[in-house]
Amino acid sequence: MFGRKNQDSDTVVRLIASQVRRDISVGVLAPDTKLKIEDLRSRYGGSAHSFREALTLLAAEGLVEANAQRGFRVASATQTDLEDILRLRAEIETLGLGWSIKHGDLKWEGQLVAAFHTYSRLCAQAATDRAAYAIEWDEAARQFHAALTAACHSPRLIDFQDRLFTQSRRFRYAALMEDRIDLEAETAALDGVVKATLARDADTARARLSAQILSVIER
């Protein structure tokens, strides 16, 4: 009985965290916004305890800042924050990609190709209507980058990659909506990563992936 209650509570916390995470990613909850528990309950529903747990979870992910005196607020989103996240992403994702190339099998290759196909199609669709396809495009990007490291045989690296990508999503979403992402160029760059990966050319694949991730800093 107690186990079931705890399980249900955990599910509610994860659901609330998912909703708040999404709204931070798409800018509904702007950087540095104070997150008042009662305001959040009015917006999303749920108990005060569940929201505290959810916000604590998001603080661990780097999306929310927690202060004993001032409560919770959405984490800042400065250019310095972006550069820090992307440099770490480049290091972690290229490391994971190298390990995936070493350990990945044909099933992994198929999943990677499928994830890239989905992302490239959504890039093409988003190019015609960014607002209509932004959320699907964002999720497809997350799945593709996760696929790159999926066969690395390191759960900790996979978890860290996911956290870093999650922290970068609001920057990417804003850049898409402001027409600051060349979707055709991004698709071509990632196509090069996939081709090198399938050829099991780890050095080239890693170099192309790093260049693509860090290209945002150069814009």
N, C-alpha and C. Protein backbone atom coordinates (compact mmCIF):
# COMPACT_ATOMS: atom_id res chain seq x y z
N MET A 1 0.83 -1.20 0.00
CA MET A 1 0.00 0.00 0.00
C MET A 1 0.87 1.25 0.00
N PHE A 2 1.87 1.28 0.93
CA PHE A 2 2.72 2.46 1.00
C PHE A 2 3.54 2.61 -0.27
N GLY A 3 4.00 1.49 -0.81
CA GLY A 3 4.76 1.54 -2.04
C GLY A 3 3.95 2.12 -3.17
N ARG A 4 2.67 1.74 -3.27
CA ARG A 4 1.81 2.25 -4.33
C ARG A 4 1.60 3.75 -4.18
N LYS A 5 1.40 4.20 -2.96
CA LYS A 5 1.19 5.62 -2.72
C LYS A 5 2.41 6.42 -3.14
N ASN A 6 3.59 5.92 -2.76
CA ASN A 6 4.81 6.61 -3.12
C ASN A 6 5.02 6.63 -4.62
N GLN A 7 4.67 5.52 -5.28
CA GLN A 7 4.81 5.43 -6.72
C GLN A 7 3.91 6.44 -7.42
N ASP A 8 2.66 6.54 -6.95
CA ASP A 8 1.73 7.51 -7.53
C ASP A 8 2.24 8.93 -7.32
N SER A 9 2.77 9.21 -6.13
CA SER A 9 3.29 10.54 -5.83
C SER A 9 4.46 10.88 -6.74
N ASP A 10 5.34 9.91 -6.96
CA ASP A 10 6.48 10.13 -7.85
C ASP A 10 6.02 10.42 -9.27
N THR A 11 4.96 9.74 -9.70
CA THR A 11 4.43 9.97 -11.04
C THR A 11 3.91 11.39 -11.20
N VAL A 12 3.20 11.87 -10.18
CA VAL A 12 2.68 13.24 -10.21
C VAL A 12 3.82 14.24 -10.26
N VAL A 13 4.85 14.03 -9.46
CA VAL A 13 6.01 14.93 -9.44
C VAL A 13 6.68 14.96 -10.81
N ARG A 14 6.86 13.78 -11.43
CA ARG A 14 7.49 13.72 -12.74
C ARG A 14 6.63 14.42 -13.79
N LEU A 15 5.31 14.28 -13.68
CA LEU A 15 4.41 14.93 -14.64
C LEU A 15 4.48 16.45 -14.50
N ILE A 16 4.45 16.93 -13.27
CA ILE A 16 4.55 18.37 -13.04
C ILE A 16 5.89 18.89 -13.55
N ALA A 17 6.97 18.17 -13.23
CA ALA A 17 8.30 18.58 -13.69
C ALA A 17 8.36 18.64 -15.20
N SER A 18 7.73 17.68 -15.86
CA SER A 18 7.71 17.65 -17.32
C SER A 18 6.99 18.87 -17.89
N GLN A 19 5.87 19.25 -17.28
CA GLN A 19 5.11 20.41 -17.75
C GLN A 19 5.88 21.70 -17.56
N VAL A 20 6.50 21.86 -16.40
CA VAL A 20 7.27 23.08 -16.12
C VAL A 20 8.52 23.11 -17.01
N ARG A 21 9.17 21.95 -17.16
CA ARG A 21 10.35 21.86 -18.02
C ARG A 21 10.02 22.29 -19.45
N ARG A 22 8.88 21.81 -19.95
CA ARG A 22 8.45 22.19 -21.31
C ARG A 22 8.24 23.69 -21.41
N ASP A 23 7.59 24.28 -20.43
CA ASP A 23 7.29 25.71 -20.50
C ASP A 23 8.53 26.58 -20.32
N ILE A 24 9.51 26.08 -19.60
CA ILE A 24 10.79 26.78 -19.54
C ILE A 24 11.48 26.69 -20.91
N SER A 25 11.44 25.52 -21.52
CA SER A 25 12.12 25.29 -22.80
C SER A 25 11.56 26.17 -23.91
N VAL A 26 10.25 26.40 -23.89
CA VAL A 26 9.64 27.17 -24.98
C VAL A 26 9.41 28.64 -24.61
N GLY A 27 9.91 29.05 -23.45
CA GLY A 27 9.88 30.45 -23.09
C GLY A 27 8.60 30.94 -22.44
N VAL A 28 7.66 30.05 -22.16
CA VAL A 28 6.44 30.46 -21.44
C VAL A 28 6.82 30.96 -20.05
N LEU A 29 7.78 30.26 -19.42
CA LEU A 29 8.35 30.71 -18.16
C LEU A 29 9.73 31.27 -18.48
N ALA A 30 9.85 32.58 -18.47
CA ALA A 30 11.06 33.26 -18.93
C ALA A 30 12.20 33.14 -17.91
N PRO A 31 13.45 33.30 -18.36
CA PRO A 31 14.58 33.28 -17.44
C PRO A 31 14.39 34.27 -16.30
N ASP A 32 14.79 33.85 -15.10
CA ASP A 32 14.76 34.66 -13.87
C ASP A 32 13.36 34.89 -13.32
N THR A 33 12.34 34.26 -13.93
CA THR A 33 10.98 34.38 -13.40
C THR A 33 10.88 33.71 -12.03
N LYS A 34 10.32 34.40 -11.06
CA LYS A 34 10.11 33.82 -9.74
C LYS A 34 8.99 32.79 -9.82
N LEU A 35 9.24 31.61 -9.30
CA LEU A 35 8.27 30.51 -9.37
C LEU A 35 7.56 30.38 -8.02
N LYS A 36 6.41 31.00 -7.93
CA LYS A 36 5.62 30.95 -6.70
C LYS A 36 4.73 29.72 -6.73
N ILE A 37 4.77 28.97 -5.66
CA ILE A 37 4.06 27.70 -5.60
C ILE A 37 2.57 27.87 -5.87
N GLU A 38 1.94 28.85 -5.28
CA GLU A 38 0.50 29.02 -5.47
C GLU A 38 0.16 29.41 -6.90
N ASP A 39 1.00 30.23 -7.51
CA ASP A 39 0.77 30.59 -8.91
C ASP A 39 0.90 29.37 -9.80
N LEU A 40 1.87 28.53 -9.52
CA LEU A 40 2.07 27.31 -10.31
C LEU A 40 0.90 26.34 -10.13
N ARG A 41 0.41 26.25 -8.92
CA ARG A 41 -0.74 25.36 -8.68
C ARG A 41 -1.96 25.84 -9.45
N SER A 42 -2.14 27.15 -9.54
CA SER A 42 -3.27 27.69 -10.31
C SER A 42 -3.12 27.38 -11.79
N ARG A 43 -1.88 27.39 -12.28
CA ARG A 43 -1.62 27.16 -13.70
C ARG A 43 -1.71 25.67 -14.06
N TYR A 44 -1.11 24.82 -13.22
CA TYR A 44 -0.97 23.41 -13.58
C TYR A 44 -1.82 22.45 -12.75
N GLY A 45 -2.25 22.87 -11.57
CA GLY A 45 -2.88 21.94 -10.65
C GLY A 45 -1.81 21.20 -9.84
N GLY A 46 -2.23 20.43 -8.85
CA GLY A 46 -1.28 19.68 -8.04
C GLY A 46 -1.10 20.30 -6.67
N SER A 47 -0.44 19.56 -5.78
CA SER A 47 -0.28 20.00 -4.40
C SER A 47 1.00 20.82 -4.26
N ALA A 48 1.06 21.59 -3.19
CA ALA A 48 2.25 22.39 -2.91
C ALA A 48 3.46 21.49 -2.72
N HIS A 49 3.26 20.36 -2.03
CA HIS A 49 4.36 19.43 -1.81
C HIS A 49 4.89 18.89 -3.13
N SER A 50 3.99 18.51 -4.05
CA SER A 50 4.42 17.97 -5.35
C SER A 50 5.21 19.01 -6.13
N PHE A 51 4.80 20.27 -6.05
CA PHE A 51 5.52 21.31 -6.77
C PHE A 51 6.90 21.55 -6.18
N ARG A 52 7.01 21.51 -4.87
CA ARG A 52 8.34 21.67 -4.27
C ARG A 52 9.26 20.54 -4.72
N GLU A 53 8.73 19.33 -4.76
CA GLU A 53 9.54 18.19 -5.21
C GLU A 53 9.92 18.35 -6.68
N ALA A 54 8.97 18.78 -7.50
CA ALA A 54 9.23 18.95 -8.93
C ALA A 54 10.26 20.05 -9.17
N LEU A 55 10.15 21.15 -8.46
CA LEU A 55 11.10 22.25 -8.65
C LEU A 55 12.48 21.87 -8.13
N THR A 56 12.53 21.07 -7.09
CA THR A 56 13.81 20.58 -6.60
C THR A 56 14.46 19.69 -7.67
N LEU A 57 13.65 18.87 -8.33
CA LEU A 57 14.14 18.02 -9.42
C LEU A 57 14.70 18.87 -10.56
N LEU A 58 13.96 19.92 -10.93
CA LEU A 58 14.40 20.79 -12.02
C LEU A 58 15.63 21.60 -11.63
N ALA A 59 15.77 21.90 -10.34
CA ALA A 59 16.98 22.58 -9.87
C ALA A 59 18.20 21.69 -10.07
N ALA A 60 18.03 20.39 -9.83
CA ALA A 60 19.12 19.45 -10.04
C ALA A 60 19.51 19.36 -11.51
N GLU A 61 18.55 19.64 -12.40
CA GLU A 61 18.80 19.62 -13.84
C GLU A 61 19.39 20.93 -14.34
N GLY A 62 19.41 21.95 -13.50
CA GLY A 62 19.98 23.23 -13.90
C GLY A 62 19.00 24.18 -14.55
N LEU A 63 17.72 23.84 -14.57
CA LEU A 63 16.72 24.71 -15.18
C LEU A 63 16.10 25.69 -14.19
N VAL A 64 16.20 25.36 -12.92
CA VAL A 64 15.62 26.18 -11.85
C VAL A 64 16.70 26.44 -10.81
N GLU A 65 16.66 27.63 -10.24
CA GLU A 65 17.58 27.96 -9.16
C GLU A 65 16.80 27.99 -7.85
N ALA A 66 17.37 27.38 -6.82
CA ALA A 66 16.72 27.32 -5.51
C ALA A 66 17.52 28.11 -4.50
N ASN A 67 16.84 28.94 -3.72
CA ASN A 67 17.48 29.74 -2.70
C ASN A 67 16.65 29.64 -1.42
N ALA A 68 17.31 29.34 -0.32
CA ALA A 68 16.60 29.14 0.94
C ALA A 68 15.79 30.36 1.35
N GLN A 69 16.26 31.55 1.00
CA GLN A 69 15.59 32.78 1.40
C GLN A 69 14.56 33.26 0.38
N ARG A 70 14.87 33.05 -0.92
CA ARG A 70 14.02 33.62 -1.98
C ARG A 70 13.20 32.59 -2.74
N GLY A 71 13.29 31.33 -2.39
CA GLY A 71 12.49 30.31 -3.05
C GLY A 71 13.08 29.90 -4.40
N PHE A 72 12.20 29.62 -5.34
CA PHE A 72 12.62 29.11 -6.65
C PHE A 72 12.43 30.17 -7.73
N ARG A 73 13.32 30.12 -8.73
CA ARG A 73 13.16 30.96 -9.91
C ARG A 73 13.75 30.23 -11.11
N VAL A 74 13.28 30.58 -12.30
CA VAL A 74 13.85 30.00 -13.51
C VAL A 74 15.30 30.43 -13.63
N ALA A 75 16.17 29.51 -13.99
CA ALA A 75 17.59 29.83 -14.11
C ALA A 75 17.82 30.89 -15.17
N SER A 76 18.89 31.65 -15.00
CA SER A 76 19.24 32.69 -15.96
C SER A 76 19.60 32.06 -17.31
N ALA A 77 19.59 32.88 -18.35
CA ALA A 77 19.89 32.38 -19.70
C ALA A 77 20.72 33.42 -20.44
N THR A 78 21.94 33.61 -20.00
CA THR A 78 22.82 34.60 -20.61
C THR A 78 23.66 33.95 -21.71
N GLN A 79 24.35 34.77 -22.48
CA GLN A 79 25.25 34.26 -23.51
C GLN A 79 26.35 33.42 -22.87
N THR A 80 26.80 33.83 -21.70
CA THR A 80 27.83 33.06 -20.98
C THR A 80 27.30 31.68 -20.60
N ASP A 81 26.03 31.63 -20.15
CA ASP A 81 25.41 30.34 -19.83
C ASP A 81 25.39 29.45 -21.06
N LEU A 82 24.96 30.02 -22.19
CA LEU A 82 24.88 29.25 -23.43
C LEU A 82 26.24 28.69 -23.83
N GLU A 83 27.26 29.52 -23.80
CA GLU A 83 28.59 29.07 -24.20
C GLU A 83 29.10 27.96 -23.29
N ASP A 84 28.84 28.09 -22.00
CA ASP A 84 29.26 27.07 -21.04
C ASP A 84 28.57 25.74 -21.34
N ILE A 85 27.26 25.79 -21.56
CA ILE A 85 26.49 24.57 -21.85
C ILE A 85 26.97 23.92 -23.14
N LEU A 86 27.18 24.71 -24.19
CA LEU A 86 27.54 24.15 -25.48
C LEU A 86 28.95 23.56 -25.47
N ARG A 87 29.86 24.18 -24.77
CA ARG A 87 31.21 23.61 -24.69
C ARG A 87 31.20 22.27 -23.97
N LEU A 88 30.41 22.20 -22.91
CA LEU A 88 30.29 20.91 -22.21
C LEU A 88 29.58 19.87 -23.08
N ARG A 89 28.51 20.31 -23.78
CA ARG A 89 27.80 19.40 -24.68
C ARG A 89 28.74 18.84 -25.74
N ALA A 90 29.56 19.70 -26.32
CA ALA A 90 30.48 19.25 -27.35
C ALA A 90 31.44 18.19 -26.81
N GLU A 91 31.94 18.41 -25.60
CA GLU A 91 32.86 17.44 -25.00
C GLU A 91 32.15 16.10 -24.72
N ILE A 92 30.99 16.19 -24.08
CA ILE A 92 30.29 14.97 -23.66
C ILE A 92 29.72 14.20 -24.85
N GLU A 93 29.07 14.91 -25.77
CA GLU A 93 28.45 14.20 -26.90
C GLU A 93 29.49 13.58 -27.82
N THR A 94 30.60 14.27 -28.05
CA THR A 94 31.61 13.68 -28.93
C THR A 94 32.28 12.48 -28.26
N LEU A 95 32.47 12.56 -26.95
CA LEU A 95 33.01 11.41 -26.22
C LEU A 95 32.05 10.23 -26.33
N GLY A 96 30.77 10.49 -26.07
CA GLY A 96 29.78 9.42 -26.15
C GLY A 96 29.63 8.87 -27.56
N LEU A 97 29.72 9.74 -28.56
CA LEU A 97 29.63 9.27 -29.94
C LEU A 97 30.80 8.36 -30.27
N GLY A 98 31.99 8.72 -29.84
CA GLY A 98 33.15 7.85 -30.08
C GLY A 98 32.97 6.48 -29.46
N TRP A 99 32.45 6.46 -28.24
CA TRP A 99 32.21 5.17 -27.59
C TRP A 99 31.09 4.39 -28.29
N SER A 100 30.08 5.11 -28.76
CA SER A 100 28.98 4.44 -29.47
C SER A 100 29.47 3.83 -30.78
N ILE A 101 30.34 4.53 -31.48
CA ILE A 101 30.91 3.98 -32.72
C ILE A 101 31.70 2.72 -32.42
N LYS A 102 32.37 2.71 -31.30
CA LYS A 102 33.15 1.53 -30.91
C LYS A 102 32.25 0.35 -30.54
N HIS A 103 31.16 0.62 -29.83
CA HIS A 103 30.33 -0.47 -29.29
C HIS A 103 29.04 -0.71 -30.04
N GLY A 104 28.56 0.27 -30.82
CA GLY A 104 27.24 0.17 -31.43
C GLY A 104 27.13 -0.93 -32.48
N ASP A 105 25.94 -1.54 -32.55
CA ASP A 105 25.69 -2.60 -33.52
C ASP A 105 24.79 -2.08 -34.64
N LEU A 106 24.33 -2.98 -35.51
CA LEU A 106 23.49 -2.58 -36.63
C LEU A 106 22.16 -2.00 -36.17
N LYS A 107 21.64 -2.52 -35.06
CA LYS A 107 20.39 -1.99 -34.52
C LYS A 107 20.56 -0.53 -34.14
N TRP A 108 21.67 -0.22 -33.50
CA TRP A 108 21.94 1.17 -33.13
C TRP A 108 22.06 2.04 -34.38
N GLU A 109 22.76 1.55 -35.38
CA GLU A 109 22.88 2.31 -36.62
C GLU A 109 21.50 2.63 -37.21
N GLY A 110 20.63 1.61 -37.22
CA GLY A 110 19.28 1.82 -37.75
C GLY A 110 18.50 2.85 -36.96
N GLN A 111 18.63 2.81 -35.64
CA GLN A 111 17.93 3.79 -34.79
C GLN A 111 18.47 5.20 -35.03
N LEU A 112 19.78 5.31 -35.23
CA LEU A 112 20.38 6.61 -35.49
C LEU A 112 19.90 7.18 -36.83
N VAL A 113 19.89 6.34 -37.85
CA VAL A 113 19.43 6.78 -39.17
C VAL A 113 17.96 7.21 -39.11
N ALA A 114 17.15 6.45 -38.39
CA ALA A 114 15.73 6.78 -38.26
C ALA A 114 15.55 8.11 -37.53
N ALA A 115 16.33 8.33 -36.46
CA ALA A 115 16.23 9.58 -35.69
C ALA A 115 16.65 10.76 -36.55
N PHE A 116 17.69 10.58 -37.36
CA PHE A 116 18.13 11.67 -38.23
C PHE A 116 17.10 11.94 -39.32
N HIS A 117 16.50 10.90 -39.86
CA HIS A 117 15.47 11.08 -40.89
C HIS A 117 14.32 11.91 -40.34
N THR A 118 13.87 11.58 -39.13
CA THR A 118 12.78 12.34 -38.51
C THR A 118 13.18 13.79 -38.30
N TYR A 119 14.39 14.00 -37.79
CA TYR A 119 14.82 15.37 -37.52
C TYR A 119 14.98 16.17 -38.81
N SER A 120 15.55 15.56 -39.83
CA SER A 120 15.74 16.29 -41.09
C SER A 120 14.40 16.66 -41.72
N ARG A 121 13.42 15.77 -41.61
CA ARG A 121 12.09 16.08 -42.14
C ARG A 121 11.45 17.24 -41.38
N LEU A 122 11.63 17.25 -40.06
CA LEU A 122 11.05 18.33 -39.26
C LEU A 122 11.80 19.65 -39.47
N CYS A 123 13.09 19.58 -39.78
CA CYS A 123 13.80 20.80 -40.14
C CYS A 123 13.19 21.40 -41.40
N ALA A 124 12.89 20.55 -42.38
CA ALA A 124 12.30 21.02 -43.63
C ALA A 124 10.91 21.61 -43.38
N GLN A 125 10.13 20.97 -42.51
CA GLN A 125 8.80 21.48 -42.20
C GLN A 125 8.88 22.78 -41.41
N ALA A 126 9.79 22.83 -40.44
CA ALA A 126 9.94 24.04 -39.62
C ALA A 126 10.41 25.22 -40.46
N ALA A 127 11.14 24.95 -41.52
CA ALA A 127 11.60 26.03 -42.40
C ALA A 127 10.44 26.75 -43.08
N THR A 128 9.32 26.04 -43.24
CA THR A 128 8.15 26.65 -43.88
C THR A 128 7.21 27.28 -42.88
N ASP A 129 7.22 26.79 -41.62
CA ASP A 129 6.33 27.34 -40.58
C ASP A 129 6.93 27.02 -39.23
N ARG A 130 7.77 27.89 -38.75
CA ARG A 130 8.51 27.62 -37.51
C ARG A 130 7.59 27.48 -36.30
N ALA A 131 6.60 28.33 -36.20
CA ALA A 131 5.71 28.28 -35.04
C ALA A 131 4.93 26.96 -34.99
N ALA A 132 4.49 26.47 -36.14
CA ALA A 132 3.67 25.27 -36.17
C ALA A 132 4.45 24.01 -35.81
N TYR A 133 5.75 23.98 -36.17
CA TYR A 133 6.53 22.75 -36.00
C TYR A 133 7.60 22.85 -34.93
N ALA A 134 7.68 23.97 -34.21
CA ALA A 134 8.78 24.21 -33.29
C ALA A 134 8.90 23.13 -32.21
N ILE A 135 7.80 22.76 -31.59
CA ILE A 135 7.86 21.80 -30.50
C ILE A 135 8.26 20.42 -31.01
N GLU A 136 7.68 19.99 -32.14
CA GLU A 136 8.06 18.70 -32.71
C GLU A 136 9.52 18.71 -33.15
N TRP A 137 9.95 19.82 -33.74
CA TRP A 137 11.34 19.96 -34.16
C TRP A 137 12.28 19.85 -32.96
N ASP A 138 11.94 20.51 -31.89
CA ASP A 138 12.75 20.49 -30.68
C ASP A 138 12.87 19.08 -30.12
N GLU A 139 11.77 18.36 -30.06
CA GLU A 139 11.79 17.00 -29.53
C GLU A 139 12.57 16.05 -30.45
N ALA A 140 12.43 16.23 -31.76
CA ALA A 140 13.17 15.39 -32.71
C ALA A 140 14.67 15.62 -32.57
N ALA A 141 15.07 16.87 -32.31
CA ALA A 141 16.48 17.17 -32.09
C ALA A 141 16.99 16.47 -30.84
N ARG A 142 16.19 16.49 -29.78
CA ARG A 142 16.59 15.82 -28.54
C ARG A 142 16.79 14.34 -28.78
N GLN A 143 15.87 13.71 -29.51
CA GLN A 143 15.96 12.28 -29.76
C GLN A 143 17.15 11.93 -30.64
N PHE A 144 17.43 12.78 -31.64
CA PHE A 144 18.58 12.51 -32.50
C PHE A 144 19.88 12.58 -31.73
N HIS A 145 20.07 13.64 -30.95
CA HIS A 145 21.32 13.78 -30.21
C HIS A 145 21.45 12.68 -29.14
N ALA A 146 20.33 12.26 -28.58
CA ALA A 146 20.38 11.13 -27.65
C ALA A 146 20.81 9.86 -28.36
N ALA A 147 20.35 9.68 -29.60
CA ALA A 147 20.70 8.48 -30.37
C ALA A 147 22.20 8.41 -30.64
N LEU A 148 22.84 9.55 -30.78
CA LEU A 148 24.27 9.56 -31.06
C LEU A 148 25.07 8.88 -29.95
N THR A 149 24.63 9.02 -28.73
CA THR A 149 25.37 8.47 -27.59
C THR A 149 24.71 7.23 -26.99
N ALA A 150 23.64 6.75 -27.61
CA ALA A 150 22.84 5.68 -27.01
C ALA A 150 23.59 4.36 -26.83
N ALA A 151 24.62 4.13 -27.65
CA ALA A 151 25.35 2.85 -27.57
C ALA A 151 26.70 2.99 -26.88
N CYS A 152 26.87 4.06 -26.09
CA CYS A 152 28.18 4.32 -25.50
C CYS A 152 28.51 3.43 -24.31
N HIS A 153 27.53 2.70 -23.80
CA HIS A 153 27.71 1.79 -22.66
C HIS A 153 28.04 2.54 -21.37
N SER A 154 27.56 3.79 -21.25
CA SER A 154 27.77 4.56 -20.02
C SER A 154 26.48 5.28 -19.64
N PRO A 155 25.70 4.70 -18.72
CA PRO A 155 24.46 5.36 -18.29
C PRO A 155 24.69 6.76 -17.74
N ARG A 156 25.82 6.97 -17.08
CA ARG A 156 26.09 8.28 -16.50
C ARG A 156 26.33 9.32 -17.60
N LEU A 157 27.06 8.93 -18.64
CA LEU A 157 27.27 9.86 -19.75
C LEU A 157 25.94 10.17 -20.43
N ILE A 158 25.13 9.15 -20.65
CA ILE A 158 23.83 9.36 -21.29
C ILE A 158 22.97 10.32 -20.47
N ASP A 159 22.98 10.16 -19.15
CA ASP A 159 22.20 11.04 -18.28
C ASP A 159 22.74 12.48 -18.35
N PHE A 160 24.06 12.63 -18.34
CA PHE A 160 24.66 13.96 -18.39
C PHE A 160 24.38 14.63 -19.73
N GLN A 161 24.45 13.85 -20.82
CA GLN A 161 24.14 14.40 -22.14
C GLN A 161 22.71 14.92 -22.19
N ASP A 162 21.79 14.16 -21.63
CA ASP A 162 20.39 14.56 -21.63
C ASP A 162 20.19 15.84 -20.82
N ARG A 163 20.87 15.95 -19.69
CA ARG A 163 20.74 17.14 -18.87
C ARG A 163 21.26 18.38 -19.59
N LEU A 164 22.41 18.24 -20.24
CA LEU A 164 22.98 19.36 -20.95
C LEU A 164 22.12 19.77 -22.14
N PHE A 165 21.59 18.78 -22.86
CA PHE A 165 20.73 19.13 -23.98
C PHE A 165 19.47 19.83 -23.48
N THR A 166 18.91 19.34 -22.38
CA THR A 166 17.72 19.97 -21.81
C THR A 166 18.01 21.43 -21.45
N GLN A 167 19.19 21.70 -20.89
CA GLN A 167 19.55 23.07 -20.54
C GLN A 167 19.71 23.95 -21.77
N SER A 168 20.05 23.35 -22.91
CA SER A 168 20.26 24.14 -24.13
C SER A 168 18.97 24.36 -24.92
N ARG A 169 17.90 23.66 -24.58
CA ARG A 169 16.70 23.68 -25.41
C ARG A 169 16.06 25.06 -25.51
N ARG A 170 16.01 25.80 -24.43
CA ARG A 170 15.34 27.10 -24.49
C ARG A 170 16.11 28.08 -25.38
N PHE A 171 17.44 27.94 -25.41
CA PHE A 171 18.24 28.78 -26.31
C PHE A 171 17.94 28.41 -27.76
N ARG A 172 17.88 27.11 -28.04
CA ARG A 172 17.63 26.65 -29.40
C ARG A 172 16.22 27.04 -29.85
N TYR A 173 15.26 26.87 -28.96
CA TYR A 173 13.87 27.20 -29.31
C TYR A 173 13.75 28.69 -29.64
N ALA A 174 14.36 29.53 -28.82
CA ALA A 174 14.31 30.97 -29.07
C ALA A 174 15.00 31.31 -30.38
N ALA A 175 16.13 30.68 -30.65
CA ALA A 175 16.86 30.94 -31.89
C ALA A 175 16.03 30.52 -33.10
N LEU A 176 15.33 29.41 -32.98
CA LEU A 176 14.47 28.97 -34.09
C LEU A 176 13.38 29.99 -34.34
N MET A 177 12.68 30.41 -33.29
CA MET A 177 11.56 31.32 -33.45
C MET A 177 12.01 32.70 -33.94
N GLU A 178 13.25 33.05 -33.65
CA GLU A 178 13.79 34.34 -34.10
C GLU A 178 14.52 34.24 -35.43
N ASP A 179 14.39 33.07 -36.07
CA ASP A 179 14.97 32.84 -37.40
C ASP A 179 16.49 32.99 -37.40
N ARG A 180 17.11 32.51 -36.32
CA ARG A 180 18.57 32.58 -36.22
C ARG A 180 19.24 31.23 -36.44
N ILE A 181 18.47 30.22 -36.83
CA ILE A 181 19.04 28.91 -37.14
C ILE A 181 18.85 28.63 -38.63
N ASP A 182 19.95 28.35 -39.31
CA ASP A 182 19.90 27.95 -40.71
C ASP A 182 19.61 26.45 -40.73
N LEU A 183 18.36 26.09 -40.89
CA LEU A 183 17.95 24.69 -40.77
C LEU A 183 18.56 23.82 -41.87
N GLU A 184 18.71 24.38 -43.06
CA GLU A 184 19.31 23.61 -44.14
C GLU A 184 20.78 23.31 -43.84
N ALA A 185 21.49 24.31 -43.34
CA ALA A 185 22.90 24.11 -43.00
C ALA A 185 23.06 23.14 -41.84
N GLU A 186 22.17 23.22 -40.86
CA GLU A 186 22.24 22.30 -39.73
C GLU A 186 21.99 20.87 -40.17
N THR A 187 21.00 20.68 -41.04
CA THR A 187 20.72 19.34 -41.55
C THR A 187 21.92 18.78 -42.31
N ALA A 188 22.55 19.61 -43.14
CA ALA A 188 23.71 19.16 -43.91
C ALA A 188 24.87 18.79 -42.98
N ALA A 189 25.09 19.59 -41.95
CA ALA A 189 26.18 19.31 -41.02
C ALA A 189 25.96 18.00 -40.28
N LEU A 190 24.73 17.77 -39.85
CA LEU A 190 24.44 16.54 -39.11
C LEU A 190 24.41 15.32 -40.04
N ASP A 191 24.06 15.53 -41.30
CA ASP A 191 24.16 14.45 -42.28
C ASP A 191 25.61 13.99 -42.39
N GLY A 192 26.53 14.94 -42.34
CA GLY A 192 27.94 14.58 -42.37
C GLY A 192 28.36 13.78 -41.15
N VAL A 193 27.79 14.13 -40.00
CA VAL A 193 28.07 13.37 -38.78
C VAL A 193 27.58 11.93 -38.91
N VAL A 194 26.36 11.77 -39.42
CA VAL A 194 25.78 10.43 -39.57
C VAL A 194 26.59 9.60 -40.56
N LYS A 195 26.97 10.19 -41.68
CA LYS A 195 27.74 9.44 -42.69
C LYS A 195 29.09 8.98 -42.14
N ALA A 196 29.77 9.86 -41.42
CA ALA A 196 31.05 9.46 -40.82
C ALA A 196 30.84 8.39 -39.75
N THR A 197 29.75 8.50 -39.03
CA THR A 197 29.45 7.51 -37.99
C THR A 197 29.21 6.14 -38.61
N LEU A 198 28.41 6.08 -39.67
CA LEU A 198 28.13 4.81 -40.32
C LEU A 198 29.38 4.22 -40.96
N ALA A 199 30.32 5.07 -41.35
CA ALA A 199 31.58 4.60 -41.91
C ALA A 199 32.55 4.19 -40.80
N ARG A 200 32.12 4.36 -39.55
CA ARG A 200 32.93 4.06 -38.36
C ARG A 200 34.22 4.87 -38.34
N ASP A 201 34.12 6.09 -38.83
CA ASP A 201 35.24 7.03 -38.80
C ASP A 201 35.02 7.96 -37.60
N ALA A 202 35.47 7.50 -36.44
CA ALA A 202 35.18 8.19 -35.18
C ALA A 202 35.77 9.60 -35.15
N ASP A 203 37.00 9.75 -35.63
CA ASP A 203 37.64 11.07 -35.56
C ASP A 203 36.86 12.10 -36.37
N THR A 204 36.46 11.73 -37.59
CA THR A 204 35.71 12.67 -38.42
C THR A 204 34.33 12.94 -37.84
N ALA A 205 33.65 11.89 -37.38
CA ALA A 205 32.31 12.06 -36.81
C ALA A 205 32.34 12.98 -35.61
N ARG A 206 33.32 12.78 -34.74
CA ARG A 206 33.42 13.60 -33.54
C ARG A 206 33.75 15.05 -33.89
N ALA A 207 34.65 15.25 -34.84
CA ALA A 207 35.02 16.61 -35.22
C ALA A 207 33.84 17.35 -35.84
N ARG A 208 33.08 16.65 -36.69
CA ARG A 208 31.92 17.29 -37.33
C ARG A 208 30.84 17.60 -36.31
N LEU A 209 30.62 16.70 -35.35
CA LEU A 209 29.61 16.95 -34.32
C LEU A 209 30.01 18.12 -33.44
N SER A 210 31.27 18.18 -33.03
CA SER A 210 31.73 19.30 -32.21
C SER A 210 31.56 20.62 -32.94
N ALA A 211 31.92 20.64 -34.22
CA ALA A 211 31.79 21.88 -35.00
C ALA A 211 30.34 22.31 -35.11
N GLN A 212 29.44 21.35 -35.28
CA GLN A 212 28.02 21.69 -35.40
C GLN A 212 27.47 22.25 -34.09
N ILE A 213 27.80 21.64 -32.98
CA ILE A 213 27.32 22.13 -31.68
C ILE A 213 27.87 23.52 -31.38
N LEU A 214 29.15 23.71 -31.62
CA LEU A 214 29.80 24.97 -31.26
C LEU A 214 29.55 26.08 -32.28
N SER A 215 28.98 25.75 -33.43
CA SER A 215 28.73 26.76 -34.45
C SER A 215 27.79 27.86 -33.95
N VAL A 216 26.95 27.53 -32.98
CA VAL A 216 26.02 28.51 -32.42
C VAL A 216 26.79 29.66 -31.77
N ILE A 217 27.92 29.36 -31.14
CA ILE A 217 28.71 30.37 -30.46
C ILE A 217 29.29 31.36 -31.46
N GLU A 218 29.56 30.88 -32.67
CA GLU A 218 30.19 31.71 -33.67
C GLU A 218 29.22 32.63 -34.39
N ARG A 219 27.89 32.41 -34.22
CA ARG A 219 26.91 33.21 -34.95
C ARG A 219 26.88 34.65 -34.50
